[in-house]
Amino acid sequence: MAIVVETTPQEADPAGRLRRGWVARIVDLLDLAIESITAVLLITTVVVALIQVFFRYVLNDSLAWPEETARWAFVWTV
């Protein structure tokens, strides 16, 4: 004769619940960091490209560094 005791998931594995919370916080922090870095790189790409267009077509003097900087920022964004 077996006695069946029903438990809730919290009672069955309290350490697992704490571990999931800890891992979830780290994942959320990592996600926020990646989103922030990506946003900065995308803004950098746009601003540097606009600087290059301004210097090339308005001032008739092209700069050497914006094209490569925009390219690398875009590569790192991807």
N, C-alpha and C. Protein backbone atom coordinates (compact mmCIF):
# COMPACT_ATOMS: atom_id res chain seq x y z
N MET A 1 0.84 -1.16 0.00
CA MET A 1 0.00 0.00 0.00
C MET A 1 0.89 1.23 0.00
N ALA A 2 0.77 2.06 -1.03
CA ALA A 2 1.63 3.23 -1.18
C ALA A 2 0.84 4.48 -0.81
N ILE A 3 1.53 5.37 -0.18
CA ILE A 3 0.92 6.65 0.16
C ILE A 3 1.43 7.68 -0.85
N VAL A 4 0.52 8.34 -1.47
CA VAL A 4 0.88 9.34 -2.47
C VAL A 4 0.78 10.71 -1.82
N VAL A 5 1.90 11.44 -1.84
CA VAL A 5 1.92 12.79 -1.28
C VAL A 5 2.10 13.75 -2.44
N GLU A 6 1.15 14.62 -2.60
CA GLU A 6 1.24 15.59 -3.68
C GLU A 6 1.98 16.83 -3.19
N THR A 7 2.96 17.24 -3.97
CA THR A 7 3.72 18.45 -3.62
C THR A 7 3.66 19.42 -4.78
N THR A 8 3.80 20.66 -4.47
CA THR A 8 3.87 21.68 -5.51
C THR A 8 5.30 21.76 -6.01
N PRO A 9 5.51 22.30 -7.19
CA PRO A 9 6.89 22.40 -7.70
C PRO A 9 7.82 23.21 -6.79
N GLN A 10 7.28 24.22 -6.09
CA GLN A 10 8.13 25.01 -5.20
C GLN A 10 8.62 24.17 -4.02
N GLU A 11 7.76 23.31 -3.50
CA GLU A 11 8.16 22.47 -2.37
C GLU A 11 9.12 21.38 -2.82
N ALA A 12 8.96 20.90 -4.03
CA ALA A 12 9.79 19.80 -4.51
C ALA A 12 11.22 20.23 -4.80
N ASP A 13 11.43 21.47 -5.27
CA ASP A 13 12.77 21.89 -5.69
C ASP A 13 13.00 23.37 -5.40
N PRO A 14 13.13 23.75 -4.14
CA PRO A 14 13.35 25.17 -3.87
C PRO A 14 14.69 25.68 -4.36
N ALA A 15 15.72 24.83 -4.37
CA ALA A 15 17.04 25.27 -4.85
C ALA A 15 17.01 25.52 -6.35
N GLY A 16 16.27 24.72 -7.08
CA GLY A 16 16.14 24.92 -8.52
C GLY A 16 15.44 26.22 -8.84
N ARG A 17 14.48 26.58 -8.03
CA ARG A 17 13.77 27.85 -8.24
C ARG A 17 14.72 29.02 -8.04
N LEU A 18 15.54 28.94 -7.02
CA LEU A 18 16.51 30.01 -6.78
C LEU A 18 17.54 30.07 -7.90
N ARG A 19 17.96 28.92 -8.39
CA ARG A 19 18.94 28.87 -9.46
C ARG A 19 18.36 29.48 -10.74
N ARG A 20 17.12 29.17 -11.05
CA ARG A 20 16.50 29.74 -12.24
C ARG A 20 16.39 31.25 -12.12
N GLY A 21 16.09 31.75 -10.97
CA GLY A 21 16.01 33.19 -10.76
C GLY A 21 17.36 33.86 -10.95
N TRP A 22 18.42 33.23 -10.43
CA TRP A 22 19.77 33.77 -10.54
C TRP A 22 20.23 33.76 -11.98
N VAL A 23 19.98 32.67 -12.69
CA VAL A 23 20.38 32.56 -14.08
C VAL A 23 19.57 33.53 -14.94
N ALA A 24 18.30 33.67 -14.63
CA ALA A 24 17.45 34.60 -15.38
C ALA A 24 17.94 36.03 -15.23
N ARG A 25 18.38 36.40 -14.04
CA ARG A 25 18.92 37.76 -13.84
C ARG A 25 20.19 37.97 -14.63
N ILE A 26 21.06 36.98 -14.69
CA ILE A 26 22.29 37.10 -15.47
C ILE A 26 21.98 37.20 -16.96
N VAL A 27 21.03 36.39 -17.42
CA VAL A 27 20.64 36.43 -18.83
C VAL A 27 20.03 37.79 -19.16
N ASP A 28 19.19 38.32 -18.28
CA ASP A 28 18.61 39.64 -18.51
C ASP A 28 19.68 40.73 -18.56
N LEU A 29 20.65 40.66 -17.68
CA LEU A 29 21.74 41.63 -17.65
C LEU A 29 22.59 41.53 -18.92
N LEU A 30 22.88 40.32 -19.34
CA LEU A 30 23.65 40.11 -20.57
C LEU A 30 22.86 40.60 -21.79
N ASP A 31 21.56 40.35 -21.80
CA ASP A 31 20.71 40.82 -22.89
C ASP A 31 20.70 42.35 -22.96
N LEU A 32 20.60 43.00 -21.81
CA LEU A 32 20.63 44.46 -21.76
C LEU A 32 21.97 45.00 -22.26
N ALA A 33 23.07 44.37 -21.86
CA ALA A 33 24.39 44.81 -22.30
C ALA A 33 24.55 44.67 -23.81
N ILE A 34 24.10 43.55 -24.37
CA ILE A 34 24.22 43.33 -25.80
C ILE A 34 23.35 44.32 -26.57
N GLU A 35 22.13 44.56 -26.09
CA GLU A 35 21.26 45.53 -26.75
C GLU A 35 21.86 46.93 -26.72
N SER A 36 22.47 47.31 -25.59
CA SER A 36 23.08 48.63 -25.47
C SER A 36 24.27 48.78 -26.42
N ILE A 37 25.12 47.78 -26.46
CA ILE A 37 26.29 47.82 -27.34
C ILE A 37 25.84 47.88 -28.80
N THR A 38 24.83 47.10 -29.14
CA THR A 38 24.33 47.10 -30.51
C THR A 38 23.75 48.45 -30.89
N ALA A 39 23.01 49.07 -29.98
CA ALA A 39 22.44 50.39 -30.25
C ALA A 39 23.53 51.43 -30.45
N VAL A 40 24.55 51.40 -29.63
CA VAL A 40 25.66 52.36 -29.76
C VAL A 40 26.38 52.15 -31.10
N LEU A 41 26.62 50.91 -31.48
CA LEU A 41 27.29 50.64 -32.75
C LEU A 41 26.44 51.07 -33.94
N LEU A 42 25.14 50.86 -33.87
CA LEU A 42 24.26 51.27 -34.96
C LEU A 42 24.22 52.79 -35.08
N ILE A 43 24.14 53.48 -33.96
CA ILE A 43 24.16 54.95 -33.97
C ILE A 43 25.50 55.45 -34.50
N THR A 44 26.59 54.80 -34.11
CA THR A 44 27.92 55.16 -34.61
C THR A 44 27.99 55.01 -36.12
N THR A 45 27.45 53.91 -36.64
CA THR A 45 27.45 53.69 -38.09
C THR A 45 26.73 54.81 -38.81
N VAL A 46 25.56 55.18 -38.34
CA VAL A 46 24.76 56.22 -39.00
C VAL A 46 25.45 57.58 -38.91
N VAL A 47 25.94 57.93 -37.73
CA VAL A 47 26.57 59.24 -37.55
C VAL A 47 27.84 59.36 -38.39
N VAL A 48 28.66 58.33 -38.39
CA VAL A 48 29.91 58.37 -39.16
C VAL A 48 29.61 58.44 -40.66
N ALA A 49 28.60 57.72 -41.10
CA ALA A 49 28.23 57.78 -42.52
C ALA A 49 27.74 59.18 -42.89
N LEU A 50 26.96 59.80 -42.02
CA LEU A 50 26.49 61.16 -42.28
C LEU A 50 27.64 62.17 -42.28
N ILE A 51 28.60 61.98 -41.41
CA ILE A 51 29.79 62.84 -41.40
C ILE A 51 30.54 62.71 -42.73
N GLN A 52 30.68 61.48 -43.19
CA GLN A 52 31.38 61.26 -44.46
C GLN A 52 30.64 61.93 -45.62
N VAL A 53 29.33 61.81 -45.66
CA VAL A 53 28.54 62.43 -46.73
C VAL A 53 28.66 63.95 -46.65
N PHE A 54 28.60 64.50 -45.46
CA PHE A 54 28.71 65.95 -45.29
C PHE A 54 30.07 66.46 -45.78
N PHE A 55 31.13 65.79 -45.35
CA PHE A 55 32.46 66.24 -45.76
C PHE A 55 32.68 66.07 -47.26
N ARG A 56 32.17 64.97 -47.82
CA ARG A 56 32.41 64.71 -49.23
C ARG A 56 31.62 65.63 -50.15
N TYR A 57 30.35 65.86 -49.86
CA TYR A 57 29.51 66.59 -50.80
C TYR A 57 29.31 68.07 -50.45
N VAL A 58 29.41 68.42 -49.19
CA VAL A 58 29.23 69.82 -48.81
C VAL A 58 30.57 70.55 -48.79
N LEU A 59 31.57 69.96 -48.19
CA LEU A 59 32.88 70.61 -48.07
C LEU A 59 33.84 70.21 -49.19
N ASN A 60 33.44 69.28 -50.03
CA ASN A 60 34.28 68.78 -51.13
C ASN A 60 35.65 68.30 -50.65
N ASP A 61 35.66 67.69 -49.50
CA ASP A 61 36.92 67.17 -48.96
C ASP A 61 36.59 65.88 -48.20
N SER A 62 37.04 64.77 -48.73
CA SER A 62 36.68 63.50 -48.11
C SER A 62 37.67 63.14 -47.01
N LEU A 63 37.17 62.52 -45.96
CA LEU A 63 38.00 62.05 -44.86
C LEU A 63 38.37 60.59 -45.09
N ALA A 64 39.48 60.16 -44.50
CA ALA A 64 39.95 58.79 -44.72
C ALA A 64 39.34 57.79 -43.75
N TRP A 65 39.03 58.18 -42.55
CA TRP A 65 38.64 57.23 -41.52
C TRP A 65 37.15 56.87 -41.45
N PRO A 66 36.21 57.70 -41.87
CA PRO A 66 34.80 57.35 -41.63
C PRO A 66 34.31 56.09 -42.33
N GLU A 67 34.78 55.83 -43.53
CA GLU A 67 34.29 54.65 -44.25
C GLU A 67 34.67 53.36 -43.52
N GLU A 68 35.91 53.28 -43.10
CA GLU A 68 36.35 52.08 -42.40
C GLU A 68 35.70 51.96 -41.03
N THR A 69 35.56 53.08 -40.33
CA THR A 69 34.91 53.05 -39.03
C THR A 69 33.45 52.60 -39.14
N ALA A 70 32.73 53.14 -40.10
CA ALA A 70 31.34 52.75 -40.30
C ALA A 70 31.25 51.28 -40.68
N ARG A 71 32.15 50.82 -41.52
CA ARG A 71 32.13 49.41 -41.92
C ARG A 71 32.36 48.49 -40.74
N TRP A 72 33.35 48.79 -39.89
CA TRP A 72 33.63 47.93 -38.75
C TRP A 72 32.52 47.98 -37.71
N ALA A 73 31.94 49.17 -37.51
CA ALA A 73 30.81 49.27 -36.57
C ALA A 73 29.64 48.44 -37.07
N PHE A 74 29.39 48.46 -38.36
CA PHE A 74 28.31 47.66 -38.93
C PHE A 74 28.61 46.17 -38.80
N VAL A 75 29.84 45.77 -39.06
CA VAL A 75 30.22 44.36 -38.93
C VAL A 75 30.02 43.89 -37.49
N TRP A 76 30.44 44.69 -36.53
CA TRP A 76 30.27 44.30 -35.14
C TRP A 76 28.82 44.32 -34.72
N THR A 77 28.01 45.18 -35.33
CA THR A 77 26.58 45.18 -35.02
C THR A 77 25.95 43.87 -35.48
N VAL A 78 26.34 43.44 -36.67
CA VAL A 78 25.78 42.19 -37.19
C VAL A 78 26.26 41.02 -36.34
